[in-house]
């Protein structure tokens, strides 16, 4: 008995085609290149800002070493102390070893930003960033977690395929690839899950519904940048700000995808993070989230018509399967 042939017009077949286009339709690496350059740039600026405290944080007698680090730090992963112990038998002193670690981290970020030996640079930057995170755990917060995650993605995703020295030197084809689409989708979905989880967690707290949380955050000495005491006279304004945050974060996983609402939601989430940077002083967190959102959802990965024709093996102007309904569907996504 022959197996039934799936009707191409059936809902199941249409869903399979849509999923195939969503995940695997060839895409350019432009968003991935923007992510690579933006991420490396933010981390380089962060390194420049904190370099004066480097020895105070990471030396054996530093502020966050010893019992404090064991109490608050992770139980798994490398620390600067481990690297110092490995280098010590080679006759490398503590100060020289720490300088070497810091220099290697900066060089790895520069190479990543330039797209030179991109995968190796991303791997080294990720490992050293992980080491530094584990060695000063009490200071780490959202910016470091997101940087660590997306440095890991940069090892595997073809972030060096566009706007990189690797592509320039090798003369590799700039044709769209399914790998670029898959990598982009994985990181986009990761952001969606992250915002949804954050929004749902906030929604379980009463302070996010009555507006009290944002008023307290703006009044805390560690985060206070402006005198916002006047906000107590307008509780509805604080409540509106909290509710808007919940709507933006929970709705992100839905409204960031359709073209009709993507620009609105992207603008809203960029405004949210810029507000965090300005009013709470979390500059690096706000900036890195803006970089991730703009790179992953603000830059089109869709190939130009001439690129689509080249990838399909047809001359410009000839018919190409990539410009048929499947490609038009991918643009709608």
Protein backbone atom coordinates (compact mmCIF):
# COMPACT_ATOMS: atom_id res chain seq x y z
CA UNK A 1 0.00 0.00 0.00
CA UNK A 2 1.45 3.31 -1.06
CA UNK A 3 1.87 6.08 1.47
CA UNK A 4 -0.54 8.96 0.94
CA UNK A 5 0.92 11.97 -0.77
CA UNK A 6 0.76 15.13 1.31
CA UNK A 7 -1.45 17.69 -0.39
CA UNK A 8 0.63 20.81 -1.06
CA UNK A 9 -2.41 22.94 -0.36
CA UNK A 10 -3.17 21.34 3.00
CA UNK A 11 -2.72 23.37 6.21
CA UNK A 12 -0.05 20.93 7.37
CA UNK A 13 1.98 21.36 4.20
CA UNK A 14 1.62 25.12 4.40
CA UNK A 15 2.78 25.11 8.02
CA UNK A 16 5.80 22.96 7.12
CA UNK A 17 6.76 25.31 4.30
CA UNK A 18 6.36 28.36 6.51
CA UNK A 19 8.52 26.79 9.24
CA UNK A 20 11.15 25.79 6.69
CA UNK A 21 11.30 29.34 5.33
CA UNK A 22 11.33 30.83 8.84
CA UNK A 23 14.30 28.73 9.96
CA UNK A 24 16.29 27.96 6.83
CA UNK A 25 15.62 30.49 4.06
CA UNK A 26 19.07 31.83 3.03
CA UNK A 27 19.87 35.13 4.75
CA UNK A 28 22.72 37.61 4.71
CA UNK A 29 25.05 38.00 7.68
CA UNK A 30 24.49 41.76 8.03
CA UNK A 31 22.64 41.51 11.38
CA UNK A 32 25.25 39.07 12.69
CA UNK A 33 28.07 41.44 11.71
CA UNK A 34 26.32 44.32 13.47
CA UNK A 35 25.94 42.16 16.57
CA UNK A 36 29.63 41.20 16.49
CA UNK A 37 30.87 44.77 16.10
CA UNK A 38 28.43 46.25 18.62
CA UNK A 39 29.08 43.61 21.27
CA UNK A 40 32.86 43.89 20.97
CA UNK A 41 32.69 47.69 21.06
CA UNK A 42 30.57 47.80 24.23
CA UNK A 43 32.85 45.35 26.02
CA UNK A 44 35.95 47.29 24.97
CA UNK A 45 34.51 50.51 26.40
CA UNK A 46 33.57 48.64 29.58
CA UNK A 47 37.14 47.31 29.85
CA UNK A 48 38.52 50.83 29.44
CA UNK A 49 36.25 52.13 32.20
CA UNK A 50 37.09 49.44 34.77
CA UNK A 51 40.79 48.95 33.99
CA UNK A 52 41.87 51.17 36.91
CA UNK A 53 40.25 48.73 39.37
CA UNK A 54 41.53 45.61 37.62
CA UNK A 55 44.18 44.69 40.20
CA UNK A 56 41.90 45.63 43.10
CA UNK A 57 39.34 43.13 41.86
CA UNK A 58 41.34 40.23 40.48
CA UNK A 59 44.64 39.95 42.40
CA UNK A 60 44.96 37.21 45.01
CA UNK A 61 44.39 39.78 47.77
CA UNK A 62 41.69 41.59 45.78
CA UNK A 63 38.37 42.74 47.17
CA UNK A 64 36.40 39.79 45.81
CA UNK A 65 38.83 36.91 46.22
CA UNK A 66 39.21 34.31 48.95
CA UNK A 67 36.24 33.52 51.19
CA UNK A 68 34.02 36.24 49.69
CA UNK A 69 34.41 34.86 46.21
CA UNK A 70 33.81 31.31 47.39
CA UNK A 71 30.66 32.41 49.21
CA UNK A 72 29.10 34.45 46.41
CA UNK A 73 30.82 33.11 43.31
CA UNK A 74 29.79 30.14 41.19
CA UNK A 75 30.96 26.68 42.16
CA UNK A 76 31.97 25.83 38.59
CA UNK A 77 34.16 27.61 36.07
CA UNK A 78 37.61 29.16 35.77
CA UNK A 79 38.87 32.02 37.91
CA UNK A 80 41.86 34.30 37.61
CA UNK A 81 43.38 32.41 40.52
CA UNK A 82 43.37 29.27 38.38
CA UNK A 83 45.17 31.04 35.55
CA UNK A 84 47.68 32.53 37.95
CA UNK A 85 48.38 29.04 39.34
CA UNK A 86 48.94 27.69 35.81
CA UNK A 87 51.32 30.51 34.91
CA UNK A 88 53.26 30.50 38.17
CA UNK A 89 55.41 27.40 37.34
CA UNK A 90 56.52 29.25 34.19
CA UNK A 91 58.02 31.97 36.35
CA UNK A 92 55.32 34.52 35.54
CA UNK A 93 54.58 36.78 38.50
CA UNK A 94 51.09 37.74 39.61
CA UNK A 95 51.19 41.29 38.25
CA UNK A 96 52.57 40.19 34.87
CA UNK A 97 50.04 37.36 34.64
CA UNK A 98 47.11 39.67 35.36
CA UNK A 99 48.38 42.14 32.77
CA UNK A 100 48.64 39.30 30.26
CA UNK A 101 45.08 38.16 31.01
CA UNK A 102 43.73 41.69 30.63
CA UNK A 103 45.71 42.30 27.45
CA UNK A 104 44.60 38.98 25.93
CA UNK A 105 40.95 39.84 26.67
CA UNK A 106 41.27 43.25 25.00
CA UNK A 107 43.11 41.83 21.98
CA UNK A 108 40.45 39.13 21.59
CA UNK A 109 37.70 41.78 21.61
CA UNK A 110 39.55 43.93 19.07
CA UNK A 111 40.00 40.94 16.77
CA UNK A 112 36.36 40.00 17.21
CA UNK A 113 35.23 43.51 16.33
CA UNK A 114 37.45 43.55 13.25
CA UNK A 115 36.42 40.04 12.28
CA UNK A 116 39.97 38.69 12.25
CA UNK A 117 40.21 34.96 13.10
CA UNK A 118 36.66 35.54 14.24
CA UNK A 119 35.78 32.18 15.78
CA UNK A 120 39.06 31.89 17.69
CA UNK A 121 38.75 35.48 18.89
CA UNK A 122 35.17 34.88 20.04
CA UNK A 123 36.20 31.70 21.87
CA UNK A 124 39.08 33.44 23.66
CA UNK A 125 36.97 36.48 24.54
CA UNK A 126 34.19 34.22 25.86
CA UNK A 127 36.57 32.15 28.01
CA UNK A 128 38.36 35.16 29.50
CA UNK A 129 35.08 37.00 30.04
CA UNK A 130 33.77 33.91 31.87
CA UNK A 131 36.95 33.81 33.97
CA UNK A 132 36.64 37.48 34.94
CA UNK A 133 32.93 37.08 35.73
CA UNK A 134 33.63 34.17 38.08
CA UNK A 135 36.44 36.09 39.77
CA UNK A 136 34.35 39.14 40.70
CA UNK A 137 30.90 37.58 41.03
CA UNK A 138 29.47 40.18 43.49
CA UNK A 139 29.92 42.88 40.82
CA UNK A 140 28.32 41.01 37.95
CA UNK A 141 24.82 41.84 36.70
CA UNK A 142 22.69 41.72 33.56
CA UNK A 143 25.16 43.23 31.12
CA UNK A 144 27.77 40.60 31.96
CA UNK A 145 25.28 37.73 31.68
CA UNK A 146 24.03 38.84 28.26
CA UNK A 147 27.55 39.54 27.02
CA UNK A 148 28.63 36.07 28.11
CA UNK A 149 25.69 34.41 26.34
CA UNK A 150 26.13 36.24 23.05
CA UNK A 151 29.90 35.83 23.03
CA UNK A 152 29.18 32.10 23.19
CA UNK A 153 26.80 32.40 20.23
CA UNK A 154 29.49 34.29 18.32
CA UNK A 155 31.70 31.20 18.44
CA UNK A 156 29.20 29.13 16.45
CA UNK A 157 27.16 31.60 14.42
CA UNK A 158 28.76 33.00 11.22
CA UNK A 159 29.22 36.51 12.63
CA UNK A 160 32.43 36.95 10.61
CA UNK A 161 30.83 36.32 7.23
CA UNK A 162 30.15 40.03 6.58
CA UNK A 163 31.99 43.30 7.32
CA UNK A 164 35.06 41.43 8.55
CA UNK A 165 38.74 41.11 7.74
CA UNK A 166 38.26 37.35 7.45
CA UNK A 167 35.79 37.81 4.61
CA UNK A 168 38.02 40.42 2.96
CA UNK A 169 41.18 38.31 3.16
CA UNK A 170 39.62 35.01 2.14
CA UNK A 171 37.44 36.51 -0.56
CA UNK A 172 34.61 34.25 0.60
CA UNK A 173 31.29 34.46 -1.14
CA UNK A 174 28.82 36.93 0.31
CA UNK A 175 25.90 34.83 -0.86
CA UNK A 176 23.10 34.34 1.66
CA UNK A 177 23.23 31.12 3.65
CA UNK A 178 20.84 29.00 5.66
CA UNK A 179 23.38 29.02 8.51
CA UNK A 180 23.05 32.77 8.90
CA UNK A 181 19.28 32.43 9.11
CA UNK A 182 19.43 29.64 11.69
CA UNK A 183 21.91 31.55 13.87
CA UNK A 184 19.83 34.70 13.68
CA UNK A 185 16.62 32.86 14.58
CA UNK A 186 18.22 31.14 17.58
CA UNK A 187 19.37 34.46 19.04
CA UNK A 188 16.07 36.18 18.24
CA UNK A 189 14.12 33.42 19.98
CA UNK A 190 16.51 33.62 22.95
CA UNK A 191 15.73 37.33 23.33
CA UNK A 192 12.00 36.66 23.09
CA UNK A 193 12.14 34.02 25.83
CA UNK A 194 14.26 36.32 27.98
CA UNK A 195 11.86 39.26 27.74
CA UNK A 196 8.80 37.07 28.26
CA UNK A 197 10.28 35.43 31.36
CA UNK A 198 11.33 38.81 32.74
CA UNK A 199 7.89 40.30 32.12
CA UNK A 200 6.02 37.37 33.66
CA UNK A 201 8.27 37.42 36.72
CA UNK A 202 7.64 41.15 37.16
CA UNK A 203 3.90 40.62 36.75
CA UNK A 204 3.86 38.36 39.83
CA UNK A 205 4.91 41.28 42.04
CA UNK A 206 2.32 43.76 43.30
CA UNK A 207 4.90 46.58 43.19
CA UNK A 208 4.89 46.39 39.39
CA UNK A 209 1.13 46.90 39.24
CA UNK A 210 0.78 49.85 41.63
CA UNK A 211 3.88 51.70 40.40
CA UNK A 212 5.74 51.61 43.71
CA UNK A 213 8.72 49.68 42.38
CA UNK A 214 9.80 52.25 39.82
CA UNK A 215 9.50 55.03 42.39
CA UNK A 216 11.69 53.12 44.85
CA UNK A 217 14.25 52.28 42.17
CA UNK A 218 14.58 55.92 41.16
CA UNK A 219 15.03 56.90 44.81
CA UNK A 220 17.70 54.37 45.82
CA UNK A 221 21.10 56.02 46.44
CA UNK A 222 22.93 53.52 44.22
CA UNK A 223 20.70 54.23 41.23
CA UNK A 224 19.50 57.78 41.80
CA UNK A 225 20.69 60.12 39.06
CA UNK A 226 17.99 62.79 39.21
CA UNK A 227 15.69 64.15 41.88
CA UNK A 228 12.51 62.22 41.13
CA UNK A 229 10.77 62.95 44.44
CA UNK A 230 8.11 64.90 42.54
CA UNK A 231 6.90 61.56 41.17
CA UNK A 232 5.24 60.89 44.55
CA UNK A 233 2.70 63.59 43.68
CA UNK A 234 1.74 61.75 40.49
CA UNK A 235 1.39 58.06 41.43
CA UNK A 236 -0.55 57.36 38.25
CA UNK A 237 2.52 58.30 36.20
CA UNK A 238 4.72 55.79 38.04
CA UNK A 239 2.00 53.15 37.69
CA UNK A 240 1.72 53.85 33.96
CA UNK A 241 5.50 53.46 33.54
CA UNK A 242 5.43 50.08 35.31
CA UNK A 243 2.46 48.82 33.31
CA UNK A 244 4.07 49.97 30.07
CA UNK A 245 7.20 47.99 30.97
CA UNK A 246 5.11 44.86 31.51
CA UNK A 247 3.33 45.33 28.19
CA UNK A 248 6.58 45.87 26.29
CA UNK A 249 8.35 42.86 27.80
CA UNK A 250 5.48 40.35 27.75
CA UNK A 251 4.29 41.48 24.32
CA UNK A 252 7.80 41.42 22.87
CA UNK A 253 7.70 37.75 21.87
CA UNK A 254 4.54 38.39 19.83
CA UNK A 255 4.77 41.88 18.39
CA UNK A 256 8.48 41.96 17.48
CA UNK A 257 7.89 39.48 14.63
CA UNK A 258 5.20 40.98 12.34
CA UNK A 259 6.51 43.74 10.10
CA UNK A 260 3.54 45.97 10.96
CA UNK A 261 4.35 46.04 14.68
CA UNK A 262 8.10 45.34 14.68
CA UNK A 263 9.19 48.96 14.32
CA UNK A 264 6.84 50.09 17.10
CA UNK A 265 8.00 47.37 19.50
CA UNK A 266 11.65 47.86 18.63
CA UNK A 267 11.31 51.59 19.32
CA UNK A 268 9.56 50.85 22.61
CA UNK A 269 12.19 48.39 23.83
CA UNK A 270 15.05 50.68 22.78
CA UNK A 271 13.35 53.51 24.68
CA UNK A 272 12.98 51.24 27.70
CA UNK A 273 16.68 50.43 27.81
CA UNK A 274 17.78 53.98 27.11
CA UNK A 275 15.59 55.03 30.03
CA UNK A 276 17.30 52.45 32.24
CA UNK A 277 20.70 53.77 31.16
CA UNK A 278 19.83 57.42 31.77
CA UNK A 279 17.66 57.30 34.90
CA UNK A 280 19.19 54.34 36.76
CA UNK A 281 22.79 54.77 35.63
CA UNK A 282 23.01 51.21 34.25
CA UNK A 283 24.73 52.48 31.14
CA UNK A 284 26.38 49.33 29.88
CA UNK A 285 23.31 47.20 30.45
CA UNK A 286 21.11 49.67 28.59
CA UNK A 287 23.55 50.02 25.72
CA UNK A 288 24.24 46.32 25.24
CA UNK A 289 20.51 45.54 25.18
CA UNK A 290 20.03 48.25 22.56
CA UNK A 291 22.83 46.70 20.50
CA UNK A 292 21.29 43.23 20.71
CA UNK A 293 17.80 44.40 19.82
CA UNK A 294 18.85 46.68 16.98
CA UNK A 295 21.21 44.11 15.44
CA UNK A 296 18.82 41.17 15.65
CA UNK A 297 15.56 42.90 14.76
CA UNK A 298 16.47 46.29 13.34
CA UNK A 299 18.67 45.19 10.43
CA UNK A 300 17.12 43.20 7.62
CA UNK A 301 18.78 39.85 6.84
CA UNK A 302 16.95 39.53 3.54
CA UNK A 303 19.17 39.33 0.45
CA UNK A 304 18.92 41.84 -2.34
CA UNK A 305 17.48 40.49 -5.61
CA UNK A 306 20.94 40.18 -7.18
CA UNK A 307 22.20 38.20 -4.17
CA UNK A 308 19.22 35.84 -4.31
CA UNK A 309 19.80 35.20 -8.00
CA UNK A 310 23.51 34.55 -7.46
CA UNK A 311 22.84 32.08 -4.67
CA UNK A 312 20.30 30.19 -6.76
CA UNK A 313 22.80 29.88 -9.61
CA UNK A 314 20.87 32.09 -12.02
CA UNK A 315 21.85 35.30 -13.67
CA UNK A 316 20.24 38.58 -12.52
CA UNK A 317 16.87 38.96 -14.14
CA UNK A 318 16.29 35.21 -14.52
CA UNK A 319 13.76 33.28 -12.49
CA UNK A 320 14.96 32.13 -9.07
CA UNK A 321 13.27 29.88 -6.57
CA UNK A 322 14.33 32.29 -3.83
CA UNK A 323 12.14 35.02 -5.23
CA UNK A 324 9.07 32.82 -5.39
CA UNK A 325 6.32 32.85 -2.72
CA UNK A 326 8.60 31.20 -0.16
CA UNK A 327 11.02 34.13 -0.27
CA UNK A 328 8.20 36.64 -0.12
CA UNK A 329 6.89 34.80 2.92
CA UNK A 330 10.30 35.05 4.61
CA UNK A 331 10.28 38.80 4.08
CA UNK A 332 6.90 38.99 5.75
CA UNK A 333 8.42 37.22 8.75
